[in-house]
C-alpha atoms as a PDB file:
ATOM      1  CA  UNK A   1      11.462   2.717  18.207  1.00  0.00           C
ATOM      2  CA  UNK A   2      11.084  -0.554  19.916  1.00  0.00           C
ATOM      3  CA  UNK A   3       9.060  -0.524  23.254  1.00  0.00           C
ATOM      4  CA  UNK A   4       9.539  -3.107  25.954  1.00  0.00           C
ATOM      5  CA  UNK A   5       7.514  -4.517  28.619  1.00  0.00           C
ATOM      6  CA  UNK A   6       8.233  -5.266  32.277  1.00  0.00           C
ATOM      7  CA  UNK A   7       7.623  -8.697  33.654  1.00  0.00           C
ATOM      8  CA  UNK A   8       6.771  -9.836  37.138  1.00  0.00           C
ATOM      9  CA  UNK A   9      10.370 -10.252  37.904  1.00  0.00           C
ATOM     10  CA  UNK A  10      11.019  -6.478  37.277  1.00  0.00           C
ATOM     11  CA  UNK A  11      12.913  -7.464  34.062  1.00  0.00           C
ATOM     12  CA  UNK A  12      12.525  -5.495  30.727  1.00  0.00           C
ATOM     13  CA  UNK A  13      11.660  -7.595  27.745  1.00  0.00           C
ATOM     14  CA  UNK A  14      11.765  -6.692  24.145  1.00  0.00           C
ATOM     15  CA  UNK A  15       9.232  -8.834  22.237  1.00  0.00           C
ATOM     16  CA  UNK A  16      10.042  -7.430  18.955  1.00  0.00           C
ATOM     17  CA  UNK A  17      13.197  -9.209  17.560  1.00  0.00           C
ATOM     18  CA  UNK A  18      13.115  -7.897  13.943  1.00  0.00           C
ATOM     19  CA  UNK A  19      14.499  -4.469  13.897  1.00  0.00           C
ATOM     20  CA  UNK A  20      16.586  -2.435  11.705  1.00  0.00           C
ATOM     21  CA  UNK A  21      20.359  -2.675  11.875  1.00  0.00           C
ATOM     22  CA  UNK A  22      22.244   0.465  12.951  1.00  0.00           C
ATOM     23  CA  UNK A  23      24.503   2.312  10.755  1.00  0.00           C
ATOM     24  CA  UNK A  24      26.987   5.102  11.128  1.00  0.00           C
ATOM     25  CA  UNK A  25      24.768   7.552   9.439  1.00  0.00           C
ATOM     26  CA  UNK A  26      22.010   7.021  11.800  1.00  0.00           C
ATOM     27  CA  UNK A  27      23.881   9.076  14.451  1.00  0.00           C
ATOM     28  CA  UNK A  28      24.142  11.990  12.025  1.00  0.00           C
ATOM     29  CA  UNK A  29      20.583  12.380  11.532  1.00  0.00           C
ATOM     30  CA  UNK A  30      18.802  15.039  13.856  1.00  0.00           C
ATOM     31  CA  UNK A  31      16.685  13.244  16.664  1.00  0.00           C
ATOM     32  CA  UNK A  32      13.212  14.204  17.417  1.00  0.00           C
ATOM     33  CA  UNK A  33      12.827  15.767  20.881  1.00  0.00           C
ATOM     34  CA  UNK A  34      10.845  12.848  22.435  1.00  0.00           C
ATOM     35  CA  UNK A  35      13.825  10.548  21.904  1.00  0.00           C
ATOM     36  CA  UNK A  36      16.310   9.476  24.692  1.00  0.00           C
ATOM     37  CA  UNK A  37      19.349  11.055  23.184  1.00  0.00           C
ATOM     38  CA  UNK A  38      19.618  14.670  24.687  1.00  0.00           C
ATOM     39  CA  UNK A  39      22.806  15.847  22.738  1.00  0.00           C
ATOM     40  CA  UNK A  40      25.058  14.737  19.981  1.00  0.00           C
ATOM     41  CA  UNK A  41      27.956  12.429  21.021  1.00  0.00           C
ATOM     42  CA  UNK A  42      31.465  13.986  21.278  1.00  0.00           C
ATOM     43  CA  UNK A  43      32.940  10.686  19.786  1.00  0.00           C
ATOM     44  CA  UNK A  44      31.208  11.859  16.400  1.00  0.00           C
ATOM     45  CA  UNK A  45      34.068  14.590  16.268  1.00  0.00           C
ATOM     46  CA  UNK A  46      36.703  11.803  15.805  1.00  0.00           C
ATOM     47  CA  UNK A  47      35.788  10.888  12.293  1.00  0.00           C
ATOM     48  CA  UNK A  48      35.421   7.258  12.595  1.00  0.00           C
ATOM     49  CA  UNK A  49      32.355   5.096  12.369  1.00  0.00           C
ATOM     50  CA  UNK A  50      30.809   4.659  15.827  1.00  0.00           C
ATOM     51  CA  UNK A  51      28.831   1.650  14.825  1.00  0.00           C
ATOM     52  CA  UNK A  52      31.155  -0.007  12.476  1.00  0.00           C
ATOM     53  CA  UNK A  53      34.540   0.674  13.910  1.00  0.00           C
ATOM     54  CA  UNK A  54      34.041  -0.127  17.564  1.00  0.00           C
ATOM     55  CA  UNK A  55      33.892  -3.913  18.231  1.00  0.00           C
ATOM     56  CA  UNK A  56      31.168  -5.847  20.147  1.00  0.00           C
ATOM     57  CA  UNK A  57      33.205  -7.754  22.599  1.00  0.00           C
ATOM     58  CA  UNK A  58      32.750 -10.946  24.499  1.00  0.00           C
ATOM     59  CA  UNK A  59      33.059  -9.338  27.891  1.00  0.00           C
ATOM     60  CA  UNK A  60      30.078  -7.040  27.468  1.00  0.00           C
ATOM     61  CA  UNK A  61      28.025  -9.590  25.676  1.00  0.00           C
ATOM     62  CA  UNK A  62      28.425 -12.591  27.991  1.00  0.00           C
ATOM     63  CA  UNK A  63      30.624 -12.419  31.044  1.00  0.00           C
ATOM     64  CA  UNK A  64      28.961  -9.434  32.547  1.00  0.00           C
ATOM     65  CA  UNK A  65      25.462 -10.904  31.970  1.00  0.00           C
ATOM     66  CA  UNK A  66      26.740 -14.162  33.619  1.00  0.00           C
ATOM     67  CA  UNK A  67      28.218 -12.368  36.731  1.00  0.00           C
ATOM     68  CA  UNK A  68      24.925 -10.510  37.212  1.00  0.00           C
ATOM     69  CA  UNK A  69      23.011 -13.743  37.272  1.00  0.00           C
ATOM     70  CA  UNK A  70      25.434 -15.479  39.496  1.00  0.00           C
ATOM     71  CA  UNK A  71      25.237 -12.452  41.824  1.00  0.00           C
ATOM     72  CA  UNK A  72      21.403 -12.753  41.900  1.00  0.00           C
ATOM     73  CA  UNK A  73      21.557 -16.482  42.549  1.00  0.00           C
ATOM     74  CA  UNK A  74      23.958 -15.876  45.520  1.00  0.00           C
ATOM     75  CA  UNK A  75      21.744 -13.324  47.014  1.00  0.00           C
ATOM     76  CA  UNK A  76      18.697 -15.581  46.695  1.00  0.00           C
ATOM     77  CA  UNK A  77      20.531 -18.445  48.274  1.00  0.00           C
ATOM     78  CA  UNK A  78      21.693 -16.367  51.295  1.00  0.00           C
ATOM     79  CA  UNK A  79      18.044 -15.181  51.689  1.00  0.00           C
ATOM     80  CA  UNK A  80      16.922 -18.828  51.944  1.00  0.00           C
ATOM     81  CA  UNK A  81      19.708 -19.873  54.221  1.00  0.00           C
ATOM     82  CA  UNK A  82      18.934 -16.981  56.440  1.00  0.00           C
ATOM     83  CA  UNK A  83      15.265 -17.901  56.617  1.00  0.00           C
ATOM     84  CA  UNK A  84      16.104 -21.486  57.281  1.00  0.00           C
ATOM     85  CA  UNK A  85      18.269 -20.819  60.122  1.00  0.00           C
ATOM     86  CA  UNK A  86      16.057 -18.139  61.632  1.00  0.00           C
ATOM     87  CA  UNK A  87      12.977 -20.359  61.843  1.00  0.00           C
ATOM     88  CA  UNK A  88      14.619 -22.863  64.070  1.00  0.00           C
END
């Protein structure tokens, strides 16, 4: 299990970059009680490989992260503009 650390900007970072690749059989193994998964996934009953058969898509990898950053930049710029005009 990989543990992350929080930065000053309240972001989670994972310093360990070498981790084991996930496989379909990883989800079939029983999980210890201290893990995050509370129950089995209902998609396991479909009989397809959850890790190998579902693609990793461009939207979730790239676009959502960019939209999040642009939104945060916009909020930061609005705060600066409000402060600048309120001071005068």
